[in-house]
Amino acid sequence: MPGSKTLKEHEALMSRMARTVGTDLDEAELRGDLPPEMRNDMLLRCTGCASPQECERFLDTTEIAEGTPEYCRNGMVLMALRTS
C-alpha cells in the first residue's frame, strides 16, 4: 500500500487531470456515477503510474485538454465521467 505522502501527491495529480479534461469528480460522486470505492481504485491506479513527472509537466503547461495523455491510467474513466 502506498504511503500517505504518495497518496496525497497522486490525489492532487488525479484531481488536476480531471479538472483539465472537464471532469468534476465530486459532482460525478453526487450523481452516483462514481462510487467511492471506484474513486479509491482510481487513486491506487494513479499511484502505480510510471510517469508522474510527465503528468505534472503536462498539467503545469495545459489548462484545458480534450483528453488525457496516453500514459494516464485513469484516462478512460475520466473521459467517461466528463461533464459538458
N, C-alpha and C. Protein backbone atom coordinates (compact mmCIF):
# COMPACT_ATOMS: atom_id res chain seq x y z
N MET A 1 0.85 -1.18 0.00
CA MET A 1 0.00 0.00 0.00
C MET A 1 0.89 1.24 0.00
N PRO A 2 0.62 2.18 -0.90
CA PRO A 2 1.40 3.41 -0.94
C PRO A 2 1.26 4.21 0.35
N GLY A 3 2.30 4.96 0.68
CA GLY A 3 2.28 5.81 1.87
C GLY A 3 1.38 7.01 1.70
N SER A 4 1.11 7.70 2.80
CA SER A 4 0.17 8.83 2.76
C SER A 4 0.69 9.97 1.89
N LYS A 5 2.01 10.19 1.86
CA LYS A 5 2.57 11.25 1.01
C LYS A 5 2.31 10.93 -0.46
N THR A 6 2.55 9.70 -0.85
CA THR A 6 2.31 9.28 -2.24
C THR A 6 0.84 9.40 -2.58
N LEU A 7 -0.03 8.97 -1.68
CA LEU A 7 -1.47 9.07 -1.92
C LEU A 7 -1.90 10.52 -2.11
N LYS A 8 -1.40 11.41 -1.27
CA LYS A 8 -1.76 12.83 -1.38
C LYS A 8 -1.25 13.42 -2.69
N GLU A 9 -0.03 13.08 -3.06
CA GLU A 9 0.53 13.60 -4.31
C GLU A 9 -0.29 13.14 -5.51
N HIS A 10 -0.65 11.87 -5.52
CA HIS A 10 -1.41 11.33 -6.65
C HIS A 10 -2.87 11.77 -6.62
N GLU A 11 -3.42 12.00 -5.45
CA GLU A 11 -4.77 12.56 -5.36
C GLU A 11 -4.78 13.94 -6.02
N ALA A 12 -3.74 14.72 -5.76
CA ALA A 12 -3.65 16.05 -6.36
C ALA A 12 -3.50 15.95 -7.88
N LEU A 13 -2.65 15.04 -8.35
CA LEU A 13 -2.48 14.87 -9.80
C LEU A 13 -3.78 14.42 -10.45
N MET A 14 -4.44 13.45 -9.83
CA MET A 14 -5.68 12.92 -10.39
C MET A 14 -6.75 14.01 -10.44
N SER A 15 -6.87 14.79 -9.40
CA SER A 15 -7.86 15.87 -9.36
C SER A 15 -7.56 16.92 -10.41
N ARG A 16 -6.28 17.27 -10.55
CA ARG A 16 -5.89 18.25 -11.57
C ARG A 16 -6.17 17.73 -12.97
N MET A 17 -5.87 16.45 -13.21
CA MET A 17 -6.11 15.87 -14.53
C MET A 17 -7.61 15.88 -14.82
N ALA A 18 -8.41 15.53 -13.83
CA ALA A 18 -9.86 15.54 -14.02
C ALA A 18 -10.33 16.94 -14.41
N ARG A 19 -9.90 17.95 -13.68
CA ARG A 19 -10.30 19.33 -13.99
C ARG A 19 -9.83 19.74 -15.38
N THR A 20 -8.63 19.34 -15.75
CA THR A 20 -8.06 19.72 -17.04
C THR A 20 -8.88 19.18 -18.21
N VAL A 21 -9.47 17.99 -18.03
CA VAL A 21 -10.28 17.42 -19.11
C VAL A 21 -11.77 17.69 -18.93
N GLY A 22 -12.13 18.48 -17.92
CA GLY A 22 -13.52 18.86 -17.73
C GLY A 22 -14.36 17.87 -16.96
N THR A 23 -13.72 17.08 -16.11
CA THR A 23 -14.43 16.11 -15.29
C THR A 23 -14.45 16.59 -13.85
N ASP A 24 -15.64 16.65 -13.27
CA ASP A 24 -15.79 17.04 -11.87
C ASP A 24 -16.04 15.76 -11.07
N LEU A 25 -15.00 15.27 -10.40
CA LEU A 25 -15.12 14.01 -9.68
C LEU A 25 -16.13 14.08 -8.54
N ASP A 26 -16.18 15.21 -7.84
CA ASP A 26 -17.15 15.35 -6.74
C ASP A 26 -18.57 15.31 -7.28
N GLU A 27 -18.81 16.00 -8.38
CA GLU A 27 -20.15 16.00 -9.00
C GLU A 27 -20.50 14.60 -9.48
N ALA A 28 -19.54 13.90 -10.05
CA ALA A 28 -19.78 12.53 -10.51
C ALA A 28 -20.17 11.63 -9.34
N GLU A 29 -19.54 11.85 -8.19
CA GLU A 29 -19.92 11.08 -6.99
C GLU A 29 -21.34 11.41 -6.56
N LEU A 30 -21.66 12.70 -6.55
CA LEU A 30 -23.01 13.12 -6.14
C LEU A 30 -24.08 12.57 -7.09
N ARG A 31 -23.77 12.50 -8.38
CA ARG A 31 -24.71 11.95 -9.36
C ARG A 31 -24.85 10.45 -9.22
N GLY A 32 -23.92 9.82 -8.52
CA GLY A 32 -23.94 8.37 -8.39
C GLY A 32 -23.18 7.66 -9.49
N ASP A 33 -22.49 8.43 -10.34
CA ASP A 33 -21.72 7.85 -11.43
C ASP A 33 -20.34 7.37 -11.00
N LEU A 34 -19.90 7.80 -9.84
CA LEU A 34 -18.58 7.45 -9.34
C LEU A 34 -18.70 7.01 -7.88
N PRO A 35 -18.90 5.70 -7.67
CA PRO A 35 -18.96 5.21 -6.29
C PRO A 35 -17.62 5.45 -5.58
N PRO A 36 -17.65 5.70 -4.27
CA PRO A 36 -16.42 5.97 -3.53
C PRO A 36 -15.34 4.91 -3.74
N GLU A 37 -15.73 3.64 -3.81
CA GLU A 37 -14.72 2.59 -3.99
C GLU A 37 -14.06 2.68 -5.37
N MET A 38 -14.81 3.15 -6.35
CA MET A 38 -14.23 3.34 -7.69
C MET A 38 -13.22 4.49 -7.68
N ARG A 39 -13.54 5.54 -6.95
CA ARG A 39 -12.60 6.66 -6.84
C ARG A 39 -11.33 6.21 -6.13
N ASN A 40 -11.47 5.38 -5.11
CA ASN A 40 -10.30 4.84 -4.42
C ASN A 40 -9.46 3.98 -5.36
N ASP A 41 -10.14 3.16 -6.19
CA ASP A 41 -9.43 2.34 -7.17
C ASP A 41 -8.68 3.23 -8.17
N MET A 42 -9.30 4.34 -8.57
CA MET A 42 -8.64 5.27 -9.49
C MET A 42 -7.36 5.82 -8.85
N LEU A 43 -7.44 6.17 -7.59
CA LEU A 43 -6.28 6.71 -6.89
C LEU A 43 -5.16 5.67 -6.83
N LEU A 44 -5.51 4.43 -6.52
CA LEU A 44 -4.49 3.38 -6.47
C LEU A 44 -3.87 3.14 -7.84
N ARG A 45 -4.70 3.19 -8.90
CA ARG A 45 -4.16 3.06 -10.26
C ARG A 45 -3.17 4.19 -10.54
N CYS A 46 -3.53 5.39 -10.12
CA CYS A 46 -2.67 6.55 -10.33
C CYS A 46 -1.33 6.38 -9.61
N THR A 47 -1.34 5.83 -8.42
CA THR A 47 -0.08 5.65 -7.68
C THR A 47 0.84 4.65 -8.37
N GLY A 48 0.28 3.80 -9.22
CA GLY A 48 1.08 2.83 -9.96
C GLY A 48 1.64 3.37 -11.26
N CYS A 49 1.37 4.63 -11.55
CA CYS A 49 1.81 5.25 -12.80
C CYS A 49 3.33 5.36 -12.84
N ALA A 50 3.89 5.08 -14.01
CA ALA A 50 5.34 5.19 -14.19
C ALA A 50 5.74 6.59 -14.66
N SER A 51 4.75 7.48 -14.86
CA SER A 51 5.04 8.80 -15.44
C SER A 51 4.53 9.98 -14.62
N PRO A 52 4.63 9.97 -13.30
CA PRO A 52 4.08 11.10 -12.54
C PRO A 52 4.75 12.43 -12.85
N GLN A 53 6.05 12.40 -13.19
CA GLN A 53 6.72 13.66 -13.53
C GLN A 53 6.19 14.20 -14.86
N GLU A 54 5.99 13.31 -15.83
CA GLU A 54 5.41 13.74 -17.11
C GLU A 54 4.01 14.29 -16.89
N CYS A 55 3.25 13.64 -16.04
CA CYS A 55 1.89 14.07 -15.72
C CYS A 55 1.93 15.49 -15.14
N GLU A 56 2.81 15.70 -14.20
CA GLU A 56 2.90 17.02 -13.57
C GLU A 56 3.30 18.09 -14.59
N ARG A 57 4.25 17.76 -15.47
CA ARG A 57 4.65 18.71 -16.52
C ARG A 57 3.47 19.01 -17.44
N PHE A 58 2.73 17.97 -17.83
CA PHE A 58 1.56 18.16 -18.68
C PHE A 58 0.57 19.10 -18.00
N LEU A 59 0.29 18.86 -16.74
CA LEU A 59 -0.69 19.67 -16.01
C LEU A 59 -0.19 21.10 -15.79
N ASP A 60 1.11 21.26 -15.63
CA ASP A 60 1.67 22.60 -15.44
C ASP A 60 1.61 23.44 -16.71
N THR A 61 1.53 22.79 -17.85
CA THR A 61 1.56 23.51 -19.13
C THR A 61 0.24 23.45 -19.89
N THR A 62 -0.76 22.80 -19.32
CA THR A 62 -2.03 22.62 -20.02
C THR A 62 -3.18 23.06 -19.12
N GLU A 63 -3.95 24.02 -19.58
CA GLU A 63 -5.08 24.49 -18.78
C GLU A 63 -6.34 23.67 -19.07
N ILE A 64 -6.60 23.43 -20.34
CA ILE A 64 -7.77 22.67 -20.77
C ILE A 64 -7.31 21.68 -21.83
N ALA A 65 -7.78 20.43 -21.74
CA ALA A 65 -7.41 19.42 -22.73
C ALA A 65 -8.64 18.65 -23.17
N GLU A 66 -8.61 18.20 -24.39
CA GLU A 66 -9.70 17.38 -24.93
C GLU A 66 -9.64 15.95 -24.42
N GLY A 67 -8.48 15.54 -23.96
CA GLY A 67 -8.31 14.18 -23.46
C GLY A 67 -7.07 14.09 -22.59
N THR A 68 -6.91 12.96 -21.96
CA THR A 68 -5.75 12.72 -21.11
C THR A 68 -4.58 12.26 -21.96
N PRO A 69 -3.36 12.39 -21.44
CA PRO A 69 -2.22 11.81 -22.15
C PRO A 69 -2.38 10.29 -22.22
N GLU A 70 -1.73 9.71 -23.20
CA GLU A 70 -1.84 8.27 -23.43
C GLU A 70 -1.45 7.44 -22.20
N TYR A 71 -0.49 7.93 -21.43
CA TYR A 71 0.00 7.17 -20.28
C TYR A 71 -0.93 7.20 -19.07
N CYS A 72 -1.96 8.03 -19.09
CA CYS A 72 -2.85 8.17 -17.93
C CYS A 72 -3.64 6.89 -17.70
N ARG A 73 -3.44 6.28 -16.56
CA ARG A 73 -4.10 5.02 -16.22
C ARG A 73 -5.59 5.19 -15.94
N ASN A 74 -6.03 6.42 -15.72
CA ASN A 74 -7.44 6.69 -15.47
C ASN A 74 -8.11 7.43 -16.62
N GLY A 75 -7.41 7.53 -17.73
CA GLY A 75 -7.93 8.30 -18.85
C GLY A 75 -9.32 7.89 -19.31
N MET A 76 -9.54 6.60 -19.47
CA MET A 76 -10.85 6.14 -19.95
C MET A 76 -11.96 6.49 -18.96
N VAL A 77 -11.69 6.32 -17.68
CA VAL A 77 -12.70 6.63 -16.66
C VAL A 77 -12.96 8.13 -16.61
N LEU A 78 -11.90 8.92 -16.63
CA LEU A 78 -12.07 10.37 -16.58
C LEU A 78 -12.88 10.87 -17.77
N MET A 79 -12.63 10.31 -18.94
CA MET A 79 -13.36 10.75 -20.12
C MET A 79 -14.82 10.28 -20.06
N ALA A 80 -15.06 9.10 -19.52
CA ALA A 80 -16.43 8.59 -19.40
C ALA A 80 -17.24 9.42 -18.41
N LEU A 81 -16.58 9.97 -17.40
CA LEU A 81 -17.28 10.76 -16.38
C LEU A 81 -17.36 12.24 -16.73
N ARG A 82 -16.74 12.61 -17.82
CA ARG A 82 -16.64 14.03 -18.19
C ARG A 82 -18.01 14.68 -18.32
N THR A 83 -18.07 15.92 -17.81
CA THR A 83 -19.29 16.72 -17.93
C THR A 83 -19.08 17.74 -19.03
N SER A 84 -20.14 18.09 -19.68
CA SER A 84 -20.03 19.05 -20.78
C SER A 84 -20.03 20.47 -20.29
